[in-house]
Amino acid sequence: MAHSALHFSIGLAAGMVVLAPAVLSALRSGRGVSRATRRWVAGSWSLGFFAIVPSLLHLAGAPPGVCAGWWMNVFFLHPLVNDLSKGGDLVGAAAIGACFVVQYAAVVAAIARVSRQSPVSPSGLFL
């Protein structure tokens, strides 16, 4: 069974890819940068948690037949990833770290963009 970090990183990366066009267009136009960045970060982390639902069900005591059934493929192909990848501790942790670095850099870029355009204090950027 693949480690939950690998599943979480798959969901996190999928969320980042799906929601990235909105952030890129906001950065290019300069409007709604903080809102798009906030949605991007929150959405990608939500999909990361969505991807580990079968692991959480297993930890909660659900039978293995339920957690490993074909219907759990809706959670970013959870059983398929378990069959293809044994372990995944190091790969999952490295992928989560890389996603965090990319998101951190995007948030810093959004803060820099917004602070150059308006005299708003940094505490009011994400409200």
N, C-alpha and C. Protein backbone atom coordinates (compact mmCIF):
# COMPACT_ATOMS: atom_id res chain seq x y z
N MET A 1 0.84 -1.18 0.00
CA MET A 1 0.00 0.00 0.00
C MET A 1 0.89 1.24 0.00
N ALA A 2 0.63 2.12 -0.90
CA ALA A 2 1.41 3.35 -0.99
C ALA A 2 1.13 4.23 0.21
N HIS A 3 2.11 4.99 0.60
CA HIS A 3 1.98 5.86 1.76
C HIS A 3 1.02 7.00 1.46
N SER A 4 0.37 7.50 2.49
CA SER A 4 -0.61 8.58 2.32
C SER A 4 0.03 9.85 1.76
N ALA A 5 1.31 10.05 2.02
CA ALA A 5 1.98 11.25 1.49
C ALA A 5 1.98 11.24 -0.03
N LEU A 6 2.14 10.06 -0.62
CA LEU A 6 2.11 9.97 -2.08
C LEU A 6 0.72 10.32 -2.61
N HIS A 7 -0.31 9.79 -1.97
CA HIS A 7 -1.67 10.11 -2.39
C HIS A 7 -1.97 11.59 -2.19
N PHE A 8 -1.55 12.13 -1.06
CA PHE A 8 -1.78 13.55 -0.79
C PHE A 8 -1.07 14.42 -1.83
N SER A 9 0.16 14.06 -2.19
CA SER A 9 0.89 14.85 -3.18
C SER A 9 0.25 14.77 -4.56
N ILE A 10 -0.34 13.64 -4.89
CA ILE A 10 -1.04 13.52 -6.18
C ILE A 10 -2.24 14.46 -6.22
N GLY A 11 -3.03 14.47 -5.15
CA GLY A 11 -4.17 15.38 -5.09
C GLY A 11 -3.75 16.84 -5.07
N LEU A 12 -2.68 17.15 -4.33
CA LEU A 12 -2.17 18.51 -4.25
C LEU A 12 -1.69 18.99 -5.62
N ALA A 13 -0.92 18.16 -6.29
CA ALA A 13 -0.42 18.53 -7.62
C ALA A 13 -1.56 18.68 -8.62
N ALA A 14 -2.55 17.80 -8.55
CA ALA A 14 -3.69 17.91 -9.46
C ALA A 14 -4.44 19.22 -9.24
N GLY A 15 -4.64 19.58 -7.99
CA GLY A 15 -5.29 20.85 -7.70
C GLY A 15 -4.50 22.05 -8.17
N MET A 16 -3.18 21.97 -8.03
CA MET A 16 -2.33 23.07 -8.49
C MET A 16 -2.41 23.23 -10.00
N VAL A 17 -2.41 22.13 -10.70
CA VAL A 17 -2.45 22.19 -12.17
C VAL A 17 -3.80 22.69 -12.67
N VAL A 18 -4.87 22.20 -12.06
CA VAL A 18 -6.21 22.59 -12.52
C VAL A 18 -6.49 24.06 -12.25
N LEU A 19 -6.05 24.56 -11.11
CA LEU A 19 -6.37 25.93 -10.73
C LEU A 19 -5.29 26.95 -11.12
N ALA A 20 -4.18 26.51 -11.68
CA ALA A 20 -3.09 27.42 -12.04
C ALA A 20 -3.45 28.46 -13.11
N PRO A 21 -4.25 28.14 -14.12
CA PRO A 21 -4.55 29.16 -15.13
C PRO A 21 -5.20 30.42 -14.55
N ALA A 22 -6.05 30.27 -13.55
CA ALA A 22 -6.68 31.45 -12.94
C ALA A 22 -5.65 32.32 -12.24
N VAL A 23 -4.68 31.70 -11.58
CA VAL A 23 -3.63 32.46 -10.89
C VAL A 23 -2.73 33.16 -11.91
N LEU A 24 -2.37 32.45 -12.96
CA LEU A 24 -1.50 33.06 -13.98
C LEU A 24 -2.18 34.23 -14.68
N SER A 25 -3.45 34.10 -14.99
CA SER A 25 -4.15 35.21 -15.63
C SER A 25 -4.31 36.38 -14.67
N ALA A 26 -4.52 36.10 -13.38
CA ALA A 26 -4.61 37.18 -12.40
C ALA A 26 -3.27 37.89 -12.23
N LEU A 27 -2.19 37.13 -12.26
CA LEU A 27 -0.86 37.75 -12.16
C LEU A 27 -0.56 38.60 -13.38
N ARG A 28 -0.98 38.15 -14.55
CA ARG A 28 -0.74 38.93 -15.77
C ARG A 28 -1.57 40.21 -15.80
N SER A 29 -2.83 40.10 -15.39
CA SER A 29 -3.71 41.27 -15.44
C SER A 29 -3.53 42.18 -14.24
N GLY A 30 -3.10 41.62 -13.12
CA GLY A 30 -2.90 42.42 -11.92
C GLY A 30 -4.16 42.65 -11.12
N ARG A 31 -5.24 42.02 -11.48
CA ARG A 31 -6.51 42.19 -10.76
C ARG A 31 -6.92 40.88 -10.11
N GLY A 32 -7.35 40.96 -8.88
CA GLY A 32 -7.81 39.78 -8.17
C GLY A 32 -6.72 38.78 -7.87
N VAL A 33 -5.49 39.26 -7.72
CA VAL A 33 -4.37 38.35 -7.51
C VAL A 33 -4.50 37.60 -6.19
N SER A 34 -4.83 38.31 -5.13
CA SER A 34 -4.91 37.64 -3.83
C SER A 34 -6.07 36.65 -3.78
N ARG A 35 -7.18 36.98 -4.39
CA ARG A 35 -8.33 36.08 -4.40
C ARG A 35 -8.02 34.81 -5.19
N ALA A 36 -7.41 34.96 -6.35
CA ALA A 36 -7.07 33.79 -7.16
C ALA A 36 -6.02 32.93 -6.48
N THR A 37 -5.06 33.56 -5.84
CA THR A 37 -4.02 32.80 -5.15
C THR A 37 -4.60 32.07 -3.95
N ARG A 38 -5.48 32.72 -3.23
CA ARG A 38 -6.12 32.07 -2.08
C ARG A 38 -6.94 30.86 -2.53
N ARG A 39 -7.69 31.00 -3.60
CA ARG A 39 -8.47 29.86 -4.12
C ARG A 39 -7.56 28.73 -4.58
N TRP A 40 -6.45 29.10 -5.20
CA TRP A 40 -5.50 28.11 -5.71
C TRP A 40 -4.92 27.28 -4.56
N VAL A 41 -4.46 27.95 -3.51
CA VAL A 41 -3.86 27.25 -2.38
C VAL A 41 -4.92 26.42 -1.65
N ALA A 42 -6.05 27.02 -1.34
CA ALA A 42 -7.10 26.30 -0.61
C ALA A 42 -7.65 25.13 -1.43
N GLY A 43 -7.87 25.35 -2.71
CA GLY A 43 -8.39 24.29 -3.57
C GLY A 43 -7.43 23.13 -3.73
N SER A 44 -6.16 23.42 -3.90
CA SER A 44 -5.19 22.34 -4.09
C SER A 44 -5.02 21.53 -2.80
N TRP A 45 -4.99 22.20 -1.65
CA TRP A 45 -4.87 21.46 -0.40
C TRP A 45 -6.15 20.66 -0.12
N SER A 46 -7.29 21.18 -0.52
CA SER A 46 -8.54 20.43 -0.35
C SER A 46 -8.52 19.16 -1.19
N LEU A 47 -8.02 19.25 -2.41
CA LEU A 47 -7.93 18.05 -3.25
C LEU A 47 -6.89 17.08 -2.71
N GLY A 48 -5.87 17.59 -2.06
CA GLY A 48 -4.90 16.71 -1.41
C GLY A 48 -5.56 15.89 -0.31
N PHE A 49 -6.36 16.55 0.51
CA PHE A 49 -7.08 15.82 1.57
C PHE A 49 -8.12 14.88 0.97
N PHE A 50 -8.75 15.28 -0.13
CA PHE A 50 -9.72 14.42 -0.82
C PHE A 50 -9.05 13.13 -1.28
N ALA A 51 -7.79 13.22 -1.70
CA ALA A 51 -7.08 12.05 -2.23
C ALA A 51 -6.75 11.02 -1.15
N ILE A 52 -6.73 11.41 0.12
CA ILE A 52 -6.39 10.45 1.16
C ILE A 52 -7.61 9.92 1.91
N VAL A 53 -8.80 10.19 1.41
CA VAL A 53 -10.03 9.70 2.06
C VAL A 53 -10.01 8.18 2.22
N PRO A 54 -9.63 7.38 1.21
CA PRO A 54 -9.59 5.93 1.44
C PRO A 54 -8.62 5.52 2.54
N SER A 55 -7.50 6.20 2.66
CA SER A 55 -6.56 5.89 3.74
C SER A 55 -7.16 6.23 5.10
N LEU A 56 -7.87 7.34 5.17
CA LEU A 56 -8.52 7.72 6.41
C LEU A 56 -9.63 6.74 6.78
N LEU A 57 -10.37 6.27 5.77
CA LEU A 57 -11.40 5.26 6.02
C LEU A 57 -10.78 3.97 6.56
N HIS A 58 -9.64 3.59 5.98
CA HIS A 58 -8.94 2.38 6.44
C HIS A 58 -8.49 2.54 7.89
N LEU A 59 -7.95 3.72 8.22
CA LEU A 59 -7.52 3.97 9.60
C LEU A 59 -8.70 4.02 10.57
N ALA A 60 -9.85 4.42 10.08
CA ALA A 60 -11.05 4.47 10.91
C ALA A 60 -11.67 3.10 11.15
N GLY A 61 -11.17 2.07 10.44
CA GLY A 61 -11.65 0.72 10.66
C GLY A 61 -12.54 0.16 9.59
N ALA A 62 -12.65 0.83 8.46
CA ALA A 62 -13.45 0.29 7.36
C ALA A 62 -12.80 -0.98 6.82
N PRO A 63 -13.60 -1.94 6.37
CA PRO A 63 -13.03 -3.19 5.85
C PRO A 63 -12.13 -2.94 4.64
N PRO A 64 -11.09 -3.75 4.47
CA PRO A 64 -10.19 -3.58 3.33
C PRO A 64 -10.89 -3.67 1.98
N GLY A 65 -11.95 -4.46 1.90
CA GLY A 65 -12.70 -4.57 0.65
C GLY A 65 -13.34 -3.26 0.24
N VAL A 66 -13.73 -2.47 1.21
CA VAL A 66 -14.32 -1.16 0.92
C VAL A 66 -13.24 -0.18 0.49
N CYS A 67 -12.11 -0.17 1.20
CA CYS A 67 -11.05 0.81 0.95
C CYS A 67 -10.25 0.51 -0.32
N ALA A 68 -10.26 -0.75 -0.76
CA ALA A 68 -9.46 -1.12 -1.93
C ALA A 68 -10.32 -1.44 -3.14
N GLY A 69 -11.61 -1.20 -3.06
CA GLY A 69 -12.50 -1.50 -4.17
C GLY A 69 -12.31 -0.57 -5.36
N TRP A 70 -12.80 -1.00 -6.51
CA TRP A 70 -12.62 -0.21 -7.74
C TRP A 70 -13.29 1.15 -7.62
N TRP A 71 -14.34 1.26 -6.81
CA TRP A 71 -15.06 2.52 -6.66
C TRP A 71 -14.22 3.58 -5.97
N MET A 72 -13.14 3.20 -5.31
CA MET A 72 -12.26 4.18 -4.67
C MET A 72 -11.33 4.87 -5.67
N ASN A 73 -11.41 4.48 -6.93
CA ASN A 73 -10.63 5.16 -7.96
C ASN A 73 -11.07 6.60 -8.17
N VAL A 74 -12.25 6.96 -7.65
CA VAL A 74 -12.72 8.34 -7.74
C VAL A 74 -11.80 9.26 -6.93
N PHE A 75 -11.10 8.72 -5.95
CA PHE A 75 -10.17 9.48 -5.13
C PHE A 75 -8.77 9.46 -5.77
N PHE A 76 -8.67 10.04 -6.94
CA PHE A 76 -7.42 10.13 -7.70
C PHE A 76 -6.74 8.78 -7.86
N LEU A 77 -7.52 7.80 -8.28
CA LEU A 77 -7.03 6.45 -8.60
C LEU A 77 -6.30 5.81 -7.42
N HIS A 78 -6.86 5.92 -6.24
CA HIS A 78 -6.21 5.44 -5.02
C HIS A 78 -5.79 3.97 -5.08
N PRO A 79 -6.69 3.02 -5.42
CA PRO A 79 -6.26 1.62 -5.47
C PRO A 79 -5.23 1.35 -6.57
N LEU A 80 -5.35 2.04 -7.68
CA LEU A 80 -4.39 1.85 -8.77
C LEU A 80 -3.00 2.30 -8.35
N VAL A 81 -2.91 3.43 -7.68
CA VAL A 81 -1.61 3.91 -7.20
C VAL A 81 -1.04 2.94 -6.17
N ASN A 82 -1.90 2.37 -5.32
CA ASN A 82 -1.43 1.38 -4.35
C ASN A 82 -0.85 0.16 -5.04
N ASP A 83 -1.48 -0.28 -6.14
CA ASP A 83 -0.98 -1.46 -6.85
C ASP A 83 0.30 -1.18 -7.61
N LEU A 84 0.44 0.02 -8.14
CA LEU A 84 1.61 0.35 -8.95
C LEU A 84 2.82 0.76 -8.13
N SER A 85 2.59 1.36 -6.98
CA SER A 85 3.68 1.92 -6.20
C SER A 85 3.68 1.34 -4.81
N LYS A 86 4.71 0.61 -4.49
CA LYS A 86 4.87 0.07 -3.14
C LYS A 86 5.73 1.05 -2.35
N GLY A 87 5.21 1.56 -1.27
CA GLY A 87 5.94 2.54 -0.47
C GLY A 87 5.52 3.93 -0.87
N GLY A 88 6.46 4.74 -1.27
CA GLY A 88 6.15 6.09 -1.71
C GLY A 88 6.42 7.13 -0.66
N ASP A 89 7.11 6.75 0.42
CA ASP A 89 7.39 7.70 1.49
C ASP A 89 8.23 8.86 1.00
N LEU A 90 9.36 8.56 0.41
CA LEU A 90 10.29 9.61 -0.02
C LEU A 90 9.75 10.41 -1.20
N VAL A 91 9.16 9.73 -2.15
CA VAL A 91 8.60 10.42 -3.32
C VAL A 91 7.46 11.34 -2.91
N GLY A 92 6.59 10.86 -2.06
CA GLY A 92 5.46 11.67 -1.60
C GLY A 92 5.90 12.88 -0.81
N ALA A 93 6.86 12.70 0.08
CA ALA A 93 7.35 13.83 0.88
C ALA A 93 8.06 14.85 0.00
N ALA A 94 8.84 14.39 -0.95
CA ALA A 94 9.53 15.32 -1.85
C ALA A 94 8.53 16.08 -2.72
N ALA A 95 7.50 15.40 -3.18
CA ALA A 95 6.49 16.07 -4.01
C ALA A 95 5.70 17.10 -3.21
N ILE A 96 5.36 16.78 -1.96
CA ILE A 96 4.66 17.75 -1.11
C ILE A 96 5.55 18.96 -0.86
N GLY A 97 6.83 18.71 -0.61
CA GLY A 97 7.77 19.82 -0.41
C GLY A 97 7.89 20.69 -1.64
N ALA A 98 7.96 20.08 -2.82
CA ALA A 98 8.06 20.85 -4.06
C ALA A 98 6.80 21.68 -4.30
N CYS A 99 5.64 21.09 -4.04
CA CYS A 99 4.38 21.83 -4.20
C CYS A 99 4.31 22.99 -3.22
N PHE A 100 4.77 22.78 -2.00
CA PHE A 100 4.75 23.85 -1.02
C PHE A 100 5.67 24.99 -1.45
N VAL A 101 6.84 24.69 -1.98
CA VAL A 101 7.77 25.72 -2.44
C VAL A 101 7.16 26.53 -3.58
N VAL A 102 6.51 25.85 -4.52
CA VAL A 102 5.87 26.54 -5.64
C VAL A 102 4.75 27.45 -5.15
N GLN A 103 3.94 26.95 -4.23
CA GLN A 103 2.85 27.76 -3.71
C GLN A 103 3.37 28.94 -2.89
N TYR A 104 4.41 28.72 -2.12
CA TYR A 104 4.99 29.80 -1.33
C TYR A 104 5.53 30.90 -2.26
N ALA A 105 6.22 30.50 -3.31
CA ALA A 105 6.75 31.48 -4.26
C ALA A 105 5.62 32.25 -4.94
N ALA A 106 4.53 31.58 -5.25
CA ALA A 106 3.39 32.27 -5.88
C ALA A 106 2.74 33.25 -4.92
N VAL A 107 2.63 32.88 -3.64
CA VAL A 107 2.04 33.78 -2.66
C VAL A 107 2.93 35.01 -2.46
N VAL A 108 4.24 34.80 -2.41
CA VAL A 108 5.17 35.92 -2.27
C VAL A 108 5.08 36.82 -3.51
N ALA A 109 4.99 36.25 -4.69
CA ALA A 109 4.84 37.05 -5.91
C ALA A 109 3.53 37.83 -5.90
N ALA A 110 2.46 37.21 -5.41
CA ALA A 110 1.18 37.91 -5.34
C ALA A 110 1.24 39.06 -4.35
N ILE A 111 1.89 38.85 -3.22
CA ILE A 111 2.04 39.93 -2.23
C ILE A 111 2.87 41.07 -2.81
N ALA A 112 3.94 40.73 -3.50
CA ALA A 112 4.78 41.77 -4.10
C ALA A 112 4.01 42.54 -5.17
N ARG A 113 3.22 41.84 -5.98
CA ARG A 113 2.44 42.48 -7.03
C ARG A 113 1.40 43.42 -6.44
N VAL A 114 0.68 42.96 -5.43
CA VAL A 114 -0.37 43.77 -4.82
C VAL A 114 0.21 44.96 -4.07
N SER A 115 1.31 44.76 -3.36
CA SER A 115 1.89 45.86 -2.58
C SER A 115 2.48 46.94 -3.49
N ARG A 116 2.92 46.60 -4.69
CA ARG A 116 3.41 47.60 -5.63
C ARG A 116 2.28 48.40 -6.25
N GLN A 117 1.10 47.80 -6.37
CA GLN A 117 -0.01 48.46 -7.06
C GLN A 117 -0.87 49.32 -6.16
N SER A 118 -0.94 49.01 -4.88
CA SER A 118 -1.84 49.77 -4.02
C SER A 118 -1.17 50.04 -2.68
N PRO A 119 -1.58 51.12 -2.03
CA PRO A 119 -0.99 51.46 -0.74
C PRO A 119 -1.66 50.72 0.43
N VAL A 120 -2.25 49.57 0.19
CA VAL A 120 -2.91 48.80 1.23
C VAL A 120 -1.85 48.17 2.12
N SER A 121 -2.12 48.12 3.40
CA SER A 121 -1.17 47.48 4.31
C SER A 121 -1.16 45.98 4.06
N PRO A 122 -0.02 45.32 4.27
CA PRO A 122 0.07 43.88 4.02
C PRO A 122 -0.93 43.04 4.81
N SER A 123 -1.38 43.54 5.96
CA SER A 123 -2.34 42.78 6.74
C SER A 123 -3.70 42.69 6.07
N GLY A 124 -4.02 43.59 5.15
CA GLY A 124 -5.31 43.57 4.48
C GLY A 124 -5.28 42.95 3.11
N LEU A 125 -4.21 42.28 2.74
CA LEU A 125 -4.08 41.73 1.39
C LEU A 125 -5.06 40.60 1.11
N PHE A 126 -5.26 39.70 2.06
CA PHE A 126 -6.02 38.50 1.78
C PHE A 126 -7.41 38.54 2.41
N LEU A 127 -7.95 39.69 2.66
CA LEU A 127 -9.29 39.80 3.23
C LEU A 127 -10.31 40.01 2.16
